[in-house]
Amino acid sequence: MDWNRIEGNWKQMKGKVKEQWGKLTDDDLDRIAGKRDQLEGKIQERYGLERDRVRRDIDDWYSMQRW
């Protein structure tokens, strides 16, 4: 997976991330700034999910994005 695409297009991707994980706030998304590890941690915190589950969910979401 090439996460650099997400980091490079973070301003455009924030809306898609928020659609998927609506409990993330705009401030959360600004702090995450496209960093996958920060996104994983914040999703884990907001949703109370295990880290492995969050990683799978992010991978699934990423694979469904249209580039």
PDB file of N, CA and C in Angstrom:
ATOM      1  N   MET A   1       0.839  -1.176   0.000  1.00  0.00           N
ATOM      2  CA  MET A   1       0.000   0.000   0.000  1.00  0.00           C
ATOM      3  C   MET A   1       0.886   1.242   0.000  1.00  0.00           C
ATOM      4  N   ASP A   2       0.525   2.205  -0.799  1.00  0.00           N
ATOM      5  CA  ASP A   2       1.296   3.434  -0.907  1.00  0.00           C
ATOM      6  C   ASP A   2       0.574   4.552  -0.151  1.00  0.00           C
ATOM      7  N   TRP A   3       0.820   4.624   1.139  1.00  0.00           N
ATOM      8  CA  TRP A   3       0.133   5.602   1.976  1.00  0.00           C
ATOM      9  C   TRP A   3       0.550   7.026   1.627  1.00  0.00           C
ATOM     10  N   ASN A   4       1.659   7.204   0.922  1.00  0.00           N
ATOM     11  CA  ASN A   4       2.114   8.536   0.533  1.00  0.00           C
ATOM     12  C   ASN A   4       1.041   9.285  -0.258  1.00  0.00           C
ATOM     13  N   ARG A   5       0.228   8.570  -0.994  1.00  0.00           N
ATOM     14  CA  ARG A   5      -0.858   9.212  -1.745  1.00  0.00           C
ATOM     15  C   ARG A   5      -1.836   9.889  -0.796  1.00  0.00           C
ATOM     16  N   ILE A   6      -2.121   9.229   0.304  1.00  0.00           N
ATOM     17  CA  ILE A   6      -3.039   9.807   1.288  1.00  0.00           C
ATOM     18  C   ILE A   6      -2.400  11.044   1.915  1.00  0.00           C
ATOM     19  N   GLU A   7      -1.153  10.914   2.348  1.00  0.00           N
ATOM     20  CA  GLU A   7      -0.471  12.044   2.972  1.00  0.00           C
ATOM     21  C   GLU A   7      -0.411  13.238   2.031  1.00  0.00           C
ATOM     22  N   GLY A   8      -0.088  12.991   0.781  1.00  0.00           N
ATOM     23  CA  GLY A   8       0.044  14.062  -0.184  1.00  0.00           C
ATOM     24  C   GLY A   8      -1.263  14.747  -0.534  1.00  0.00           C
ATOM     25  N   ASN A   9      -2.356  14.032  -0.393  1.00  0.00           N
ATOM     26  CA  ASN A   9      -3.674  14.561  -0.726  1.00  0.00           C
ATOM     27  C   ASN A   9      -4.568  14.684   0.510  1.00  0.00           C
ATOM     28  N   TRP A  10      -3.952  14.889   1.660  1.00  0.00           N
ATOM     29  CA  TRP A  10      -4.699  14.842   2.918  1.00  0.00           C
ATOM     30  C   TRP A  10      -5.870  15.827   2.943  1.00  0.00           C
ATOM     31  N   LYS A  11      -5.668  17.029   2.442  1.00  0.00           N
ATOM     32  CA  LYS A  11      -6.767  18.009   2.483  1.00  0.00           C
ATOM     33  C   LYS A  11      -7.987  17.485   1.740  1.00  0.00           C
ATOM     34  N   GLN A  12      -7.786  16.826   0.614  1.00  0.00           N
ATOM     35  CA  GLN A  12      -8.900  16.269  -0.141  1.00  0.00           C
ATOM     36  C   GLN A  12      -9.449  15.002   0.523  1.00  0.00           C
ATOM     37  N   MET A  13      -8.572  14.248   1.180  1.00  0.00           N
ATOM     38  CA  MET A  13      -8.972  12.965   1.751  1.00  0.00           C
ATOM     39  C   MET A  13      -9.677  13.106   3.090  1.00  0.00           C
ATOM     40  N   LYS A  14      -9.513  14.227   3.765  1.00  0.00           N
ATOM     41  CA  LYS A  14     -10.113  14.385   5.092  1.00  0.00           C
ATOM     42  C   LYS A  14     -11.624  14.152   5.057  1.00  0.00           C
ATOM     43  N   GLY A  15     -12.285  14.635   4.037  1.00  0.00           N
ATOM     44  CA  GLY A  15     -13.733  14.433   3.938  1.00  0.00           C
ATOM     45  C   GLY A  15     -14.101  12.967   3.813  1.00  0.00           C
ATOM     46  N   LYS A  16     -13.332  12.234   3.026  1.00  0.00           N
ATOM     47  CA  LYS A  16     -13.601  10.802   2.866  1.00  0.00           C
ATOM     48  C   LYS A  16     -13.331  10.043   4.160  1.00  0.00           C
ATOM     49  N   VAL A  17     -12.285  10.451   4.864  1.00  0.00           N
ATOM     50  CA  VAL A  17     -11.971   9.817   6.146  1.00  0.00           C
ATOM     51  C   VAL A  17     -13.105  10.086   7.136  1.00  0.00           C
ATOM     52  N   LYS A  18     -13.579  11.307   7.145  1.00  0.00           N
ATOM     53  CA  LYS A  18     -14.657  11.661   8.080  1.00  0.00           C
ATOM     54  C   LYS A  18     -15.961  10.939   7.730  1.00  0.00           C
ATOM     55  N   GLU A  19     -16.213  10.716   6.437  1.00  0.00           N
ATOM     56  CA  GLU A  19     -17.397   9.931   6.054  1.00  0.00           C
ATOM     57  C   GLU A  19     -17.320   8.525   6.627  1.00  0.00           C
ATOM     58  N   GLN A  20     -16.142   7.942   6.603  1.00  0.00           N
ATOM     59  CA  GLN A  20     -15.953   6.571   7.082  1.00  0.00           C
ATOM     60  C   GLN A  20     -15.933   6.499   8.606  1.00  0.00           C
ATOM     61  N   TRP A  21     -15.252   7.450   9.232  1.00  0.00           N
ATOM     62  CA  TRP A  21     -15.093   7.454  10.686  1.00  0.00           C
ATOM     63  C   TRP A  21     -15.610   8.780  11.231  1.00  0.00           C
ATOM     64  N   GLY A  22     -16.911   8.903  11.343  1.00  0.00           N
ATOM     65  CA  GLY A  22     -17.571  10.147  11.703  1.00  0.00           C
ATOM     66  C   GLY A  22     -17.297  10.650  13.108  1.00  0.00           C
ATOM     67  N   LYS A  23     -16.787   9.790  13.979  1.00  0.00           N
ATOM     68  CA  LYS A  23     -16.471  10.244  15.336  1.00  0.00           C
ATOM     69  C   LYS A  23     -15.190  11.069  15.391  1.00  0.00           C
ATOM     70  N   LEU A  24     -14.421  11.074  14.308  1.00  0.00           N
ATOM     71  CA  LEU A  24     -13.215  11.898  14.279  1.00  0.00           C
ATOM     72  C   LEU A  24     -13.622  13.349  14.051  1.00  0.00           C
ATOM     73  N   THR A  25     -13.051  14.240  14.827  1.00  0.00           N
ATOM     74  CA  THR A  25     -13.377  15.655  14.696  1.00  0.00           C
ATOM     75  C   THR A  25     -12.462  16.306  13.664  1.00  0.00           C
ATOM     76  N   ASP A  26     -12.828  17.521  13.268  1.00  0.00           N
ATOM     77  CA  ASP A  26     -11.962  18.276  12.357  1.00  0.00           C
ATOM     78  C   ASP A  26     -10.602  18.517  12.992  1.00  0.00           C
ATOM     79  N   ASP A  27     -10.581  18.783  14.290  1.00  0.00           N
ATOM     80  CA  ASP A  27      -9.300  18.961  14.990  1.00  0.00           C
ATOM     81  C   ASP A  27      -8.474  17.678  14.954  1.00  0.00           C
ATOM     82  N   ASP A  28      -9.134  16.538  15.145  1.00  0.00           N
ATOM     83  CA  ASP A  28      -8.425  15.254  15.051  1.00  0.00           C
ATOM     84  C   ASP A  28      -7.763  15.134  13.681  1.00  0.00           C
ATOM     85  N   LEU A  29      -8.535  15.414  12.649  1.00  0.00           N
ATOM     86  CA  LEU A  29      -8.037  15.254  11.283  1.00  0.00           C
ATOM     87  C   LEU A  29      -6.897  16.225  10.994  1.00  0.00           C
ATOM     88  N   ASP A  30      -6.969  17.423  11.528  1.00  0.00           N
ATOM     89  CA  ASP A  30      -5.872  18.378  11.347  1.00  0.00           C
ATOM     90  C   ASP A  30      -4.605  17.891  12.034  1.00  0.00           C
ATOM     91  N   ARG A  31      -4.751  17.327  13.231  1.00  0.00           N
ATOM     92  CA  ARG A  31      -3.577  16.816  13.963  1.00  0.00           C
ATOM     93  C   ARG A  31      -2.988  15.573  13.293  1.00  0.00           C
ATOM     94  N   ILE A  32      -3.847  14.737  12.734  1.00  0.00           N
ATOM     95  CA  ILE A  32      -3.396  13.513  12.068  1.00  0.00           C
ATOM     96  C   ILE A  32      -2.539  13.846  10.858  1.00  0.00           C
ATOM     97  N   ALA A  33      -2.956  14.840  10.106  1.00  0.00           N
ATOM     98  CA  ALA A  33      -2.184  15.369   8.967  1.00  0.00           C
ATOM     99  C   ALA A  33      -1.725  14.278   7.993  1.00  0.00           C
ATOM    100  N   GLY A  34      -2.539  13.248   7.825  1.00  0.00           N
ATOM    101  CA  GLY A  34      -2.220  12.213   6.854  1.00  0.00           C
ATOM    102  C   GLY A  34      -1.315  11.109   7.357  1.00  0.00           C
ATOM    103  N   LYS A  35      -0.895  11.170   8.597  1.00  0.00           N
ATOM    104  CA  LYS A  35      -0.012  10.142   9.160  1.00  0.00           C
ATOM    105  C   LYS A  35      -0.829   8.928   9.569  1.00  0.00           C
ATOM    106  N   ARG A  36      -0.517   7.801   8.951  1.00  0.00           N
ATOM    107  CA  ARG A  36      -1.308   6.589   9.194  1.00  0.00           C
ATOM    108  C   ARG A  36      -1.287   6.153  10.654  1.00  0.00           C
ATOM    109  N   ASP A  37      -0.134   6.171  11.295  1.00  0.00           N
ATOM    110  CA  ASP A  37      -0.074   5.718  12.688  1.00  0.00           C
ATOM    111  C   ASP A  37      -0.934   6.591  13.594  1.00  0.00           C
ATOM    112  N   GLN A  38      -0.980   7.889  13.299  1.00  0.00           N
ATOM    113  CA  GLN A  38      -1.822   8.784  14.092  1.00  0.00           C
ATOM    114  C   GLN A  38      -3.303   8.506  13.817  1.00  0.00           C
ATOM    115  N   LEU A  39      -3.631   8.234  12.561  1.00  0.00           N
ATOM    116  CA  LEU A  39      -5.012   7.892  12.208  1.00  0.00           C
ATOM    117  C   LEU A  39      -5.434   6.613  12.921  1.00  0.00           C
ATOM    118  N   GLU A  40      -4.571   5.609  12.901  1.00  0.00           N
ATOM    119  CA  GLU A  40      -4.880   4.353  13.589  1.00  0.00           C
ATOM    120  C   GLU A  40      -5.147   4.594  15.069  1.00  0.00           C
ATOM    121  N   GLY A  41      -4.267   5.349  15.702  1.00  0.00           N
ATOM    122  CA  GLY A  41      -4.413   5.611  17.134  1.00  0.00           C
ATOM    123  C   GLY A  41      -5.686   6.358  17.466  1.00  0.00           C
ATOM    124  N   LYS A  42      -6.027   7.342  16.653  1.00  0.00           N
ATOM    125  CA  LYS A  42      -7.219   8.150  16.933  1.00  0.00           C
ATOM    126  C   LYS A  42      -8.494   7.339  16.702  1.00  0.00           C
ATOM    127  N   ILE A  43      -8.516   6.503  15.664  1.00  0.00           N
ATOM    128  CA  ILE A  43      -9.679   5.629  15.442  1.00  0.00           C
ATOM    129  C   ILE A  43      -9.820   4.651  16.603  1.00  0.00           C
ATOM    130  N   GLN A  44      -8.700   4.095  17.019  1.00  0.00           N
ATOM    131  CA  GLN A  44      -8.712   3.158  18.135  1.00  0.00           C
ATOM    132  C   GLN A  44      -9.271   3.839  19.392  1.00  0.00           C
ATOM    133  N   GLU A  45      -8.841   5.057  19.634  1.00  0.00           N
ATOM    134  CA  GLU A  45      -9.301   5.802  20.808  1.00  0.00           C
ATOM    135  C   GLU A  45     -10.791   6.135  20.727  1.00  0.00           C
ATOM    136  N   ARG A  46     -11.239   6.636  19.591  1.00  0.00           N
ATOM    137  CA  ARG A  46     -12.632   7.085  19.456  1.00  0.00           C
ATOM    138  C   ARG A  46     -13.627   5.924  19.406  1.00  0.00           C
ATOM    139  N   TYR A  47     -13.212   4.802  18.809  1.00  0.00           N
ATOM    140  CA  TYR A  47     -14.134   3.695  18.607  1.00  0.00           C
ATOM    141  C   TYR A  47     -13.912   2.515  19.556  1.00  0.00           C
ATOM    142  N   GLY A  48     -12.821   2.535  20.318  1.00  0.00           N
ATOM    143  CA  GLY A  48     -12.554   1.453  21.262  1.00  0.00           C
ATOM    144  C   GLY A  48     -12.264   0.123  20.592  1.00  0.00           C
ATOM    145  N   LEU A  49     -11.589   0.172  19.452  1.00  0.00           N
ATOM    146  CA  LEU A  49     -11.275  -1.044  18.701  1.00  0.00           C
ATOM    147  C   LEU A  49      -9.826  -1.458  18.921  1.00  0.00           C
ATOM    148  N   GLU A  50      -9.560  -2.742  18.694  1.00  0.00           N
ATOM    149  CA  GLU A  50      -8.187  -3.243  18.776  1.00  0.00           C
ATOM    150  C   GLU A  50      -7.384  -2.730  17.589  1.00  0.00           C
ATOM    151  N   ARG A  51      -6.090  -2.561  17.788  1.00  0.00           N
ATOM    152  CA  ARG A  51      -5.224  -1.999  16.751  1.00  0.00           C
ATOM    153  C   ARG A  51      -5.238  -2.836  15.469  1.00  0.00           C
ATOM    154  N   ASP A  52      -5.239  -4.169  15.592  1.00  0.00           N
ATOM    155  CA  ASP A  52      -5.274  -5.018  14.395  1.00  0.00           C
ATOM    156  C   ASP A  52      -6.559  -4.806  13.605  1.00  0.00           C
ATOM    157  N   ARG A  53      -7.660  -4.646  14.296  1.00  0.00           N
ATOM    158  CA  ARG A  53      -8.946  -4.396  13.634  1.00  0.00           C
ATOM    159  C   ARG A  53      -8.910  -3.056  12.898  1.00  0.00           C
ATOM    160  N   VAL A  54      -8.352  -2.048  13.558  1.00  0.00           N
ATOM    161  CA  VAL A  54      -8.262  -0.719  12.945  1.00  0.00           C
ATOM    162  C   VAL A  54      -7.392  -0.778  11.692  1.00  0.00           C
ATOM    163  N   ARG A  55      -6.277  -1.488  11.754  1.00  0.00           N
ATOM    164  CA  ARG A  55      -5.397  -1.625  10.583  1.00  0.00           C
ATOM    165  C   ARG A  55      -6.137  -2.265   9.418  1.00  0.00           C
ATOM    166  N   ARG A  56      -6.885  -3.330   9.696  1.00  0.00           N
ATOM    167  CA  ARG A  56      -7.660  -3.991   8.635  1.00  0.00           C
ATOM    168  C   ARG A  56      -8.711  -3.050   8.058  1.00  0.00           C
ATOM    169  N   ASP A  57      -9.386  -2.330   8.941  1.00  0.00           N
ATOM    170  CA  ASP A  57     -10.414  -1.395   8.480  1.00  0.00           C
ATOM    171  C   ASP A  57      -9.816  -0.311   7.593  1.00  0.00           C
ATOM    172  N   ILE A  58      -8.671   0.211   7.969  1.00  0.00           N
ATOM    173  CA  ILE A  58      -8.016   1.245   7.156  1.00  0.00           C
ATOM    174  C   ILE A  58      -7.569   0.657   5.826  1.00  0.00           C
ATOM    175  N   ASP A  59      -7.002  -0.544   5.856  1.00  0.00           N
ATOM    176  CA  ASP A  59      -6.595  -1.205   4.603  1.00  0.00           C
ATOM    177  C   ASP A  59      -7.789  -1.393   3.675  1.00  0.00           C
ATOM    178  N   ASP A  60      -8.910  -1.851   4.234  1.00  0.00           N
ATOM    179  CA  ASP A  60     -10.122  -2.044   3.432  1.00  0.00           C
ATOM    180  C   ASP A  60     -10.599  -0.722   2.843  1.00  0.00           C
ATOM    181  N   TRP A  61     -10.633   0.317   3.670  1.00  0.00           N
ATOM    182  CA  TRP A  61     -11.059   1.636   3.197  1.00  0.00           C
ATOM    183  C   TRP A  61     -10.139   2.140   2.091  1.00  0.00           C
ATOM    184  N   TYR A  62      -8.837   1.994   2.300  1.00  0.00           N
ATOM    185  CA  TYR A  62      -7.861   2.465   1.318  1.00  0.00           C
ATOM    186  C   TYR A  62      -8.044   1.751  -0.023  1.00  0.00           C
ATOM    187  N   SER A  63      -8.275   0.451   0.027  1.00  0.00           N
ATOM    188  CA  SER A  63      -8.406  -0.334  -1.207  1.00  0.00           C
ATOM    189  C   SER A  63      -9.649   0.046  -2.004  1.00  0.00           C
ATOM    190  N   MET A  64     -10.637   0.650  -1.352  1.00  0.00           N
ATOM    191  CA  MET A  64     -11.866   1.041  -2.036  1.00  0.00           C
ATOM    192  C   MET A  64     -11.805   2.460  -2.602  1.00  0.00           C
ATOM    193  N   GLN A  65     -10.731   3.184  -2.323  1.00  0.00           N
ATOM    194  CA  GLN A  65     -10.623   4.551  -2.832  1.00  0.00           C
ATOM    195  C   GLN A  65     -10.317   4.535  -4.323  1.00  0.00           C
ATOM    196  N   ARG A  66     -10.887   5.477  -5.026  1.00  0.00           N
ATOM    197  CA  ARG A  66     -10.655   5.604  -6.468  1.00  0.00           C
ATOM    198  C   ARG A  66      -9.552   6.598  -6.713  1.00  0.00           C
ATOM    199  N   TRP A  67      -8.543   6.180  -7.401  1.00  0.00           N
ATOM    200  CA  TRP A  67      -7.412   7.058  -7.700  1.00  0.00           C
ATOM    201  C   TRP A  67      -7.461   7.347  -9.163  1.00  0.00           C
TER     202      TRP A  67
END
